Every structure is written in C-alpha cells, then in structure tokens.
C-alpha atoms as a PDB file:
ATOM      1  CA  MET A   1     -17.003  19.854  15.752  1.00  0.00           C
ATOM      2  CA  ARG A   2     -13.316  19.017  15.550  1.00  0.00           C
ATOM      3  CA  TYR A   3     -10.504  20.520  13.501  1.00  0.00           C
ATOM      4  CA  PHE A   4      -7.186  19.903  12.957  1.00  0.00           C
ATOM      5  CA  ILE A   5      -4.672  23.177  12.779  1.00  0.00           C
ATOM      6  CA  ASP A   6      -1.555  22.675  10.874  1.00  0.00           C
ATOM      7  CA  LEU A   7       1.130  25.179  12.291  1.00  0.00           C
ATOM      8  CA  SER A   8       5.075  25.814  11.830  1.00  0.00           C
ATOM      9  CA  PHE A   9       6.954  27.727  14.714  1.00  0.00           C
ATOM     10  CA  ASN A  10      10.485  28.760  15.503  1.00  0.00           C
ATOM     11  CA  GLY A  11      10.960  27.358  19.047  1.00  0.00           C
ATOM     12  CA  LYS A  12      13.989  29.793  19.920  1.00  0.00           C
ATOM     13  CA  ASP A  13      11.204  31.947  21.970  1.00  0.00           C
ATOM     14  CA  PHE A  14       9.383  29.279  23.808  1.00  0.00           C
ATOM     15  CA  PHE A  15       9.886  26.671  26.464  1.00  0.00           C
ATOM     16  CA  GLY A  16       8.654  23.730  24.168  1.00  0.00           C
ATOM     17  CA  TRP A  17       5.154  22.877  22.936  1.00  0.00           C
ATOM     18  CA  GLN A  18       3.317  22.025  26.058  1.00  0.00           C
ATOM     19  CA  ARG A  19       1.841  24.632  28.513  1.00  0.00           C
ATOM     20  CA  GLN A  20       3.650  25.064  31.757  1.00  0.00           C
ATOM     21  CA  PRO A  21       3.383  27.299  34.557  1.00  0.00           C
ATOM     22  CA  ASN A  22       5.817  30.451  34.718  1.00  0.00           C
ATOM     23  CA  VAL A  23       7.151  29.955  31.051  1.00  0.00           C
ATOM     24  CA  ILE A  24       5.791  30.691  27.848  1.00  0.00           C
ATOM     25  CA  SER A  25       4.926  27.834  25.643  1.00  0.00           C
ATOM     26  CA  VAL A  26       3.643  27.230  22.007  1.00  0.00           C
ATOM     27  CA  GLN A  27       0.615  25.482  23.208  1.00  0.00           C
ATOM     28  CA  GLU A  28      -0.121  28.545  25.527  1.00  0.00           C
ATOM     29  CA  VAL A  29       0.029  30.885  22.752  1.00  0.00           C
ATOM     30  CA  VAL A  30      -2.170  29.173  20.367  1.00  0.00           C
ATOM     31  CA  GLU A  31      -4.773  28.231  22.745  1.00  0.00           C
ATOM     32  CA  ASP A  32      -4.985  32.195  24.043  1.00  0.00           C
ATOM     33  CA  LYS A  33      -5.406  33.349  20.173  1.00  0.00           C
ATOM     34  CA  LEU A  34      -7.790  30.787  19.187  1.00  0.00           C
ATOM     35  CA  SER A  35      -9.580  31.588  22.269  1.00  0.00           C
ATOM     36  CA  ILE A  36     -10.074  34.941  21.253  1.00  0.00           C
ATOM     37  CA  ALA A  37     -10.638  34.317  17.758  1.00  0.00           C
ATOM     38  CA  LEU A  38     -13.490  32.000  18.547  1.00  0.00           C
ATOM     39  CA  GLN A  39     -14.530  33.852  21.767  1.00  0.00           C
ATOM     40  CA  GLU A  40     -14.835  30.440  23.898  1.00  0.00           C
ATOM     41  CA  ASN A  41     -12.168  28.753  25.739  1.00  0.00           C
ATOM     42  CA  ILE A  42     -10.238  26.814  23.472  1.00  0.00           C
ATOM     43  CA  GLU A  43      -7.838  23.748  24.367  1.00  0.00           C
ATOM     44  CA  VAL A  44      -5.752  22.159  21.753  1.00  0.00           C
ATOM     45  CA  VAL A  45      -4.117  18.773  22.150  1.00  0.00           C
ATOM     46  CA  GLY A  46      -0.746  18.590  19.936  1.00  0.00           C
ATOM     47  CA  ALA A  47       0.692  15.650  18.210  1.00  0.00           C
ATOM     48  CA  GLY A  48       3.654  15.744  20.276  1.00  0.00           C
ATOM     49  CA  ARG A  49       5.646  17.711  22.993  1.00  0.00           C
ATOM     50  CA  THR A  50       8.625  19.487  21.575  1.00  0.00           C
ATOM     51  CA  ASP A  51      11.710  20.549  24.073  1.00  0.00           C
ATOM     52  CA  ALA A  52      12.431  23.986  24.672  1.00  0.00           C
ATOM     53  CA  GLY A  53      14.342  25.784  21.812  1.00  0.00           C
ATOM     54  CA  VAL A  54      13.241  22.862  18.968  1.00  0.00           C
ATOM     55  CA  HIS A  55      11.414  24.145  15.825  1.00  0.00           C
ATOM     56  CA  ALA A  56       8.771  22.648  13.798  1.00  0.00           C
ATOM     57  CA  GLN A  57       8.132  22.921  10.246  1.00  0.00           C
ATOM     58  CA  GLN A  58       4.983  20.964  10.498  1.00  0.00           C
ATOM     59  CA  ILE A  59       2.925  20.163  13.369  1.00  0.00           C
ATOM     60  CA  PHE A  60      -0.878  19.221  14.336  1.00  0.00           C
ATOM     61  CA  ALA A  61      -3.048  19.856  16.697  1.00  0.00           C
ATOM     62  CA  HIS A  62      -6.825  19.320  17.188  1.00  0.00           C
ATOM     63  CA  PHE A  63      -9.429  21.374  19.235  1.00  0.00           C
ATOM     64  CA  ASP A  64     -13.295  21.499  19.044  1.00  0.00           C
ATOM     65  CA  THR A  65     -15.646  24.082  18.420  1.00  0.00           C
ATOM     66  CA  GLY A  66     -18.668  25.246  16.404  1.00  0.00           C
ATOM     67  CA  GLU A  67     -18.754  25.338  12.575  1.00  0.00           C
ATOM     68  CA  ILE A  68     -16.017  27.447  11.038  1.00  0.00           C
ATOM     69  CA  LYS A  69     -17.931  28.788   7.932  1.00  0.00           C
ATOM     70  CA  ASP A  70     -15.127  30.878   6.383  1.00  0.00           C
ATOM     71  CA  ILE A  71     -11.539  28.649   6.729  1.00  0.00           C
ATOM     72  CA  THR A  72      -9.610  31.031   4.514  1.00  0.00           C
ATOM     73  CA  ALA A  73     -10.826  34.110   6.669  1.00  0.00           C
ATOM     74  CA  PHE A  74     -10.215  32.345   9.703  1.00  0.00           C
ATOM     75  CA  ILE A  75      -6.752  31.048   9.027  1.00  0.00           C
ATOM     76  CA  PHE A  76      -5.617  34.725   8.068  1.00  0.00           C
ATOM     77  CA  LYS A  77      -7.279  36.213  11.172  1.00  0.00           C
ATOM     78  CA  LEU A  78      -5.087  33.633  13.441  1.00  0.00           C
ATOM     79  CA  ASN A  79      -1.850  34.678  11.554  1.00  0.00           C
ATOM     80  CA  THR A  80      -2.360  38.457  12.162  1.00  0.00           C
ATOM     81  CA  MET A  81      -3.105  37.651  15.897  1.00  0.00           C
ATOM     82  CA  LEU A  82      -0.133  35.369  16.497  1.00  0.00           C
ATOM     83  CA  PRO A  83       3.630  36.276  16.767  1.00  0.00           C
ATOM     84  CA  PRO A  84       5.951  36.290  13.853  1.00  0.00           C
ATOM     85  CA  SER A  85       7.461  32.970  15.215  1.00  0.00           C
ATOM     86  CA  ILE A  86       4.208  30.897  14.971  1.00  0.00           C
ATOM     87  CA  ALA A  87       2.305  30.738  11.785  1.00  0.00           C
ATOM     88  CA  VAL A  88      -1.062  28.669  10.676  1.00  0.00           C
ATOM     89  CA  ASN A  89      -0.715  26.826   7.597  1.00  0.00           C
ATOM     90  CA  ASP A  90      -4.262  25.261   7.435  1.00  0.00           C
ATOM     91  CA  VAL A  91      -7.125  24.526   9.398  1.00  0.00           C
ATOM     92  CA  PHE A  92      -9.500  21.551   8.357  1.00  0.00           C
ATOM     93  CA  GLU A  93     -12.319  19.598   9.876  1.00  0.00           C
ATOM     94  CA  VAL A  94     -11.680  15.839  10.972  1.00  0.00           C
ATOM     95  CA  SER A  95     -13.814  13.141  12.312  1.00  0.00           C
ATOM     96  CA  PRO A  96     -15.236  13.899  15.812  1.00  0.00           C
ATOM     97  CA  ASP A  97     -12.995  11.103  17.209  1.00  0.00           C
ATOM     98  CA  ALA A  98      -9.732  11.967  15.360  1.00  0.00           C
ATOM     99  CA  HIS A  99      -6.674  12.544  17.725  1.00  0.00           C
ATOM    100  CA  ALA A 100      -3.592  14.745  16.811  1.00  0.00           C
ATOM    101  CA  ARG A 101      -1.641  12.725  19.027  1.00  0.00           C
ATOM    102  CA  PHE A 102      -2.645   9.204  19.036  1.00  0.00           C
ATOM    103  CA  ASP A 103      -3.556   9.052  15.512  1.00  0.00           C
ATOM    104  CA  ALA A 104      -0.514   9.881  14.386  1.00  0.00           C
ATOM    105  CA  THR A 105       1.191   7.229  12.471  1.00  0.00           C
ATOM    106  CA  ALA A 106       4.846   8.653  11.933  1.00  0.00           C
ATOM    107  CA  ARG A 107       6.879  11.521  12.733  1.00  0.00           C
ATOM    108  CA  GLU A 108      10.044  12.764  10.968  1.00  0.00           C
ATOM    109  CA  TYR A 109      12.706  15.022  12.500  1.00  0.00           C
ATOM    110  CA  LYS A 110      15.870  16.717  10.773  1.00  0.00           C
ATOM    111  CA  TYR A 111      18.806  17.967  12.285  1.00  0.00           C
ATOM    112  CA  TYR A 112      21.396  20.371  11.031  1.00  0.00           C
ATOM    113  CA  VAL A 113      24.883  20.538  11.574  1.00  0.00           C
ATOM    114  CA  ASP A 114      26.837  23.422  10.131  1.00  0.00           C
ATOM    115  CA  THR A 115      30.620  22.454   9.061  1.00  0.00           C
ATOM    116  CA  GLN A 116      31.710  25.976   8.614  1.00  0.00           C
ATOM    117  CA  LYS A 117      30.943  29.208  10.346  1.00  0.00           C
ATOM    118  CA  ASN A 118      27.934  30.564   8.588  1.00  0.00           C
ATOM    119  CA  PRO A 119      26.208  34.095  10.092  1.00  0.00           C
ATOM    120  CA  PHE A 120      22.820  32.809   8.034  1.00  0.00           C
ATOM    121  CA  THR A 121      22.552  29.534   9.345  1.00  0.00           C
ATOM    122  CA  ASN A 122      24.759  29.141  12.689  1.00  0.00           C
ATOM    123  CA  ALA A 123      21.769  30.133  14.698  1.00  0.00           C
ATOM    124  CA  MET A 124      19.876  27.333  13.878  1.00  0.00           C
ATOM    125  CA  ALA A 125      22.312  24.654  13.109  1.00  0.00           C
ATOM    126  CA  CYS A 126      25.038  22.850  15.493  1.00  0.00           C
ATOM    127  CA  TYR A 127      28.504  24.440  14.634  1.00  0.00           C
ATOM    128  CA  ILE A 128      31.306  21.766  14.592  1.00  0.00           C
ATOM    129  CA  LYS A 129      34.867  22.521  13.789  1.00  0.00           C
ATOM    130  CA  LYS A 130      36.168  18.825  13.680  1.00  0.00           C
ATOM    131  CA  SER A 131      36.361  16.592  10.338  1.00  0.00           C
ATOM    132  CA  ILE A 132      33.326  14.552  10.468  1.00  0.00           C
ATOM    133  CA  ASP A 133      32.969  11.107   8.808  1.00  0.00           C
ATOM    134  CA  VAL A 134      29.726  11.284   7.109  1.00  0.00           C
ATOM    135  CA  GLU A 135      30.118   7.448   6.138  1.00  0.00           C
ATOM    136  CA  ALA A 136      30.816   6.358   9.265  1.00  0.00           C
ATOM    137  CA  MET A 137      27.728   7.808  10.575  1.00  0.00           C
ATOM    138  CA  ASN A 138      25.454   6.481   7.899  1.00  0.00           C
ATOM    139  CA  GLU A 139      26.720   2.925   8.795  1.00  0.00           C
ATOM    140  CA  ALA A 140      25.770   3.851  12.715  1.00  0.00           C
ATOM    141  CA  ALA A 141      22.304   5.133  11.510  1.00  0.00           C
ATOM    142  CA  LYS A 142      21.486   1.722   9.970  1.00  0.00           C
ATOM    143  CA  ILE A 143      22.096   0.064  13.195  1.00  0.00           C
ATOM    144  CA  LEU A 144      19.239   1.859  14.842  1.00  0.00           C
ATOM    145  CA  LEU A 145      16.742   0.334  12.610  1.00  0.00           C
ATOM    146  CA  ASP A 146      17.921  -3.090  13.923  1.00  0.00           C
ATOM    147  CA  TYR A 147      16.471  -1.947  17.429  1.00  0.00           C
ATOM    148  CA  LYS A 148      13.268  -1.291  18.950  1.00  0.00           C
ATOM    149  CA  ASP A 149      14.209  -0.312  22.739  1.00  0.00           C
ATOM    150  CA  PHE A 150      15.836   3.045  22.762  1.00  0.00           C
ATOM    151  CA  GLN A 151      15.897   3.821  26.507  1.00  0.00           C
ATOM    152  CA  CYS A 152      19.554   5.052  26.498  1.00  0.00           C
ATOM    153  CA  PHE A 153      18.797   7.964  24.514  1.00  0.00           C
ATOM    154  CA  SER A 154      15.510   8.677  26.633  1.00  0.00           C
ATOM    155  CA  LYS A 155      15.491  11.531  29.280  1.00  0.00           C
ATOM    156  CA  VAL A 156      16.060   9.581  32.643  1.00  0.00           C
ATOM    157  CA  LYS A 157      12.738  10.819  34.430  1.00  0.00           C
ATOM    158  CA  THR A 158      10.099  10.654  32.032  1.00  0.00           C
ATOM    159  CA  ASP A 159       6.595   9.042  32.420  1.00  0.00           C
ATOM    160  CA  VAL A 160       6.224   6.413  29.680  1.00  0.00           C
ATOM    161  CA  PHE A 161       4.691   2.560  29.419  1.00  0.00           C
ATOM    162  CA  THR A 162       7.435   1.734  26.848  1.00  0.00           C
ATOM    163  CA  TYR A 163      10.868   2.657  25.548  1.00  0.00           C
ATOM    164  CA  ASN A 164       9.972   0.868  22.201  1.00  0.00           C
ATOM    165  CA  CYS A 165       9.823   2.897  18.896  1.00  0.00           C
ATOM    166  CA  LYS A 166       9.938   1.597  15.371  1.00  0.00           C
ATOM    167  CA  ILE A 167      12.197   3.727  13.455  1.00  0.00           C
ATOM    168  CA  VAL A 168      11.918   3.613   9.874  1.00  0.00           C
ATOM    169  CA  TYR A 169      14.455   5.738   8.540  1.00  0.00           C
ATOM    170  CA  ALA A 170      17.947   7.372   9.536  1.00  0.00           C
ATOM    171  CA  HIS A 171      20.210   9.231   7.066  1.00  0.00           C
ATOM    172  CA  TRP A 172      22.662  11.675   6.886  1.00  0.00           C
ATOM    173  CA  GLU A 173      23.222  14.071   4.075  1.00  0.00           C
ATOM    174  CA  LYS A 174      25.871  16.573   2.750  1.00  0.00           C
ATOM    175  CA  LYS A 175      24.422  19.731   1.460  1.00  0.00           C
ATOM    176  CA  GLU A 176      27.260  22.273   0.869  1.00  0.00           C
ATOM    177  CA  HIS A 177      28.561  23.332   4.439  1.00  0.00           C
ATOM    178  CA  GLN A 178      25.924  21.493   6.166  1.00  0.00           C
ATOM    179  CA  LEU A 179      25.055  17.782   7.215  1.00  0.00           C
ATOM    180  CA  VAL A 180      21.460  17.013   7.442  1.00  0.00           C
ATOM    181  CA  PHE A 181      20.266  14.045   9.920  1.00  0.00           C
ATOM    182  CA  THR A 182      16.483  13.042   8.963  1.00  0.00           C
ATOM    183  CA  ILE A 183      15.067  10.323  11.123  1.00  0.00           C
ATOM    184  CA  LYS A 184      11.471   8.810  10.915  1.00  0.00           C
ATOM    185  CA  ALA A 185       9.798   6.672  13.196  1.00  0.00           C
ATOM    186  CA  ASP A 186       6.401   5.859  14.532  1.00  0.00           C
ATOM    187  CA  ARG A 187       6.997   7.640  17.942  1.00  0.00           C
ATOM    188  CA  PHE A 188       9.893   9.404  19.875  1.00  0.00           C
ATOM    189  CA  LEU A 189      11.008   9.300  23.299  1.00  0.00           C
ATOM    190  CA  ARG A 190      11.922  12.511  25.111  1.00  0.00           C
ATOM    191  CA  ASN A 191      15.245  14.023  24.185  1.00  0.00           C
ATOM    192  CA  MET A 192      15.589  10.987  21.780  1.00  0.00           C
ATOM    193  CA  VAL A 193      16.817  12.455  18.816  1.00  0.00           C
ATOM    194  CA  ARG A 194      19.220  15.073  20.048  1.00  0.00           C
ATOM    195  CA  ALA A 195      20.783  12.109  22.120  1.00  0.00           C
ATOM    196  CA  ILE A 196      20.803   9.988  19.060  1.00  0.00           C
ATOM    197  CA  VAL A 197      22.371  12.800  17.119  1.00  0.00           C
ATOM    198  CA  GLY A 198      25.274  13.466  19.675  1.00  0.00           C
ATOM    199  CA  THR A 199      25.998   9.636  19.728  1.00  0.00           C
ATOM    200  CA  LEU A 200      26.632   9.513  16.014  1.00  0.00           C
ATOM    201  CA  LEU A 201      28.427  12.737  16.100  1.00  0.00           C
ATOM    202  CA  GLU A 202      30.940  11.016  18.682  1.00  0.00           C
ATOM    203  CA  ILE A 203      31.294   8.294  16.087  1.00  0.00           C
ATOM    204  CA  GLY A 204      31.703  10.804  13.171  1.00  0.00           C
ATOM    205  CA  VAL A 205      34.563  12.288  14.601  1.00  0.00           C
ATOM    206  CA  GLY A 206      36.262   9.158  15.993  1.00  0.00           C
ATOM    207  CA  LYS A 207      35.490   9.427  19.497  1.00  0.00           C
ATOM    208  CA  ARG A 208      33.225   5.966  19.430  1.00  0.00           C
ATOM    209  CA  SER A 209      32.847   2.955  17.140  1.00  0.00           C
ATOM    210  CA  LEU A 210      30.298   1.137  15.273  1.00  0.00           C
ATOM    211  CA  ASN A 211      30.314  -1.385  17.893  1.00  0.00           C
ATOM    212  CA  ASP A 212      30.198   0.943  20.730  1.00  0.00           C
ATOM    213  CA  LEU A 213      26.724   1.774  19.583  1.00  0.00           C
ATOM    214  CA  HIS A 214      25.310  -1.781  19.827  1.00  0.00           C
ATOM    215  CA  GLN A 215      26.710  -1.849  23.267  1.00  0.00           C
ATOM    216  CA  ILE A 216      25.236   1.614  24.058  1.00  0.00           C
ATOM    217  CA  ILE A 217      21.580   0.450  22.942  1.00  0.00           C
ATOM    218  CA  LYS A 218      21.670  -2.802  24.936  1.00  0.00           C
ATOM    219  CA  SER A 219      22.891  -1.120  27.980  1.00  0.00           C
ATOM    220  CA  LYS A 220      19.464   0.798  28.210  1.00  0.00           C
ATOM    221  CA  ASP A 221      21.684   3.363  29.904  1.00  0.00           C
ATOM    222  CA  ARG A 222      21.294   7.283  29.075  1.00  0.00           C
ATOM    223  CA  SER A 223      24.912   7.820  30.618  1.00  0.00           C
ATOM    224  CA  ALA A 224      26.188   5.591  28.003  1.00  0.00           C
ATOM    225  CA  ALA A 225      25.187   7.339  25.084  1.00  0.00           C
ATOM    226  CA  GLY A 226      26.614  10.590  23.815  1.00  0.00           C
ATOM    227  CA  LYS A 227      25.656  13.932  24.836  1.00  0.00           C
ATOM    228  CA  SER A 228      22.612  15.738  23.609  1.00  0.00           C
ATOM    229  CA  VAL A 229      23.285  18.414  21.034  1.00  0.00           C
ATOM    230  CA  ALA A 230      21.716  21.771  20.796  1.00  0.00           C
ATOM    231  CA  ALA A 231      17.974  22.089  20.512  1.00  0.00           C
ATOM    232  CA  LYS A 232      18.126  25.167  18.006  1.00  0.00           C
ATOM    233  CA  GLY A 233      19.189  22.370  14.964  1.00  0.00           C
ATOM    234  CA  LEU A 234      16.530  20.133  15.475  1.00  0.00           C
ATOM    235  CA  PHE A 235      13.276  20.505  13.559  1.00  0.00           C
ATOM    236  CA  LEU A 236       9.948  18.593  13.541  1.00  0.00           C
ATOM    237  CA  THR A 237       9.526  18.421   9.744  1.00  0.00           C
ATOM    238  CA  GLN A 238       6.731  16.007   9.059  1.00  0.00           C
ATOM    239  CA  VAL A 239       3.337  14.311  10.815  1.00  0.00           C
ATOM    240  CA  GLU A 240       1.499  11.532   9.053  1.00  0.00           C
ATOM    241  CA  TYR A 241      -2.032  10.555   9.673  1.00  0.00           C
ATOM    242  CA  PRO A 242      -4.279   8.061   8.181  1.00  0.00           C
ATOM    243  CA  LYS A 243      -6.641   9.417   5.419  1.00  0.00           C
ATOM    244  CA  ARG A 244      -9.722   8.502   7.159  1.00  0.00           C
ATOM    245  CA  ILE A 245      -9.366  11.084  10.025  1.00  0.00           C
ATOM    246  CA  GLU A 246     -10.299  13.976   7.431  1.00  0.00           C
ATOM    247  CA  VAL A 247     -13.716  14.556   6.288  1.00  0.00           C
ATOM    248  CA  ARG A 248     -13.218  17.136   3.880  1.00  0.00           C
ATOM    249  CA  ASN A 249     -10.517  19.223   1.939  1.00  0.00           C
ATOM    250  CA  GLY A 250      -9.164  16.195   0.352  1.00  0.00           C
ATOM    251  CA  LYS A 251      -5.951  16.308   2.449  1.00  0.00           C
END
C-alpha cells in the first residue's frame, strides 16, 4: 500500500531534504524513523529537494508498506521518535501509482525579510537595513509571469531537462516590520526562489531597474542576476495535488 506523509520541518539543522553522504538530511531522518516504526526498510520520495537551511511548513513524501491500521496512533508514535525540528501532520493512503514529486501540480514558497532588528524573527528572516521600495518590487514581480525560461535564476551545475517554469503568482506584502514574498509555480529550479528574491530586492533598494530584470531573464545567465538571499528566510508553504490521488480521508 502507498501512503503520503505530510511533514513540517525547521531546516536550520539539515543539509536540505535529500539524503547525502556525510551530512544529515531531512529525508534520512524521516526514513530512519519510519523504518524503525514499521520494522522494515522504508524509502521515501519527497515532493521536492529543498536546499540546506530552507524550511517547510508543508511538504509531502510517499512510501510503501503494509496496511497501517491505526493512523492516529502511528502519527503520534512518529512524532515522539522524530527530533523537535520535524513534525508529522498527517499520514494517509493514496492510490498505488500516486507520486509525491511528479503528481504535484503546484508549489508555493514564502520568503521573509525583516526591515528592523528583531530578536524573535531575525533568525528566520533576511534582515535588510536599507529603505525598500515595495511597489517597485511588485512591478518587477509581475514581469516574472510574462516569462517561462528562468535559467538565469538556476544554479549552474544542475541536472534538468528544461529551465521552463510556469509562475502563476508572485507578490510582496508588508506586514508590520516584515516584507513577505509569496511565489507559486508548477515547478522551481534549484536556488530559483532565493535568486529571484535577491534580484527583486536589488530593484527595491534602487540598485537595478525594471528593464534590467527583462534583460537578466533574456540573458539566461546566472551571473547576470542578483545574489541569492540567505536560506533561513525561505519556507516551502504549500504543495498541491489532484484530488484523484487520495483514496480515503477526503483530503
């Protein structure tokens, strides 16, 4: 039987989602605890591969095992086994061919920028002292929706078949001392959101113009775009799927 697991994690202590040699990853910890709880070797496939230090308010992964008869007890057991930085929100059965990565139809990220020193939020946000033009950054964000090829915002050494992504939403919002950037697309390239945020912030502080953004995207050159912002301010907030993959729980 195939199950989806709905997770949240604080990425500060991990080298990203994907299991890697000699470093600790979220995938490794989740697989190890699932294997202990189910008393068999469990491998999970995640909805995406977050970079080191990036957080997730919601990420899904799938795994195969026999029937889990008491889901509530199973979730409770897993949460007692996992470290405080990882939480299981739900586990539910899906169709046998459901895939956490390939069936995802959209992903949403949020990036947090602090505009003043704050001992409670600076640890999970990028702190910028300069005055920021939010209106200019939102004008720039609209430009993103006019393009599909975002090679200029991708890590140079990455194994992908295409740099095309369909961005359906990109917007900055001011909330008290914070600026929150929300972006939603069908898929994202490695480092893409952090590079976009870094470039938009350069427009916001007057270092670049709106026309510069057009030229950056058309160049397909990562060195033409802005510097990537710190991973600590980035959160994967939502992953969407077609309802057909779920076979119970009404989710």
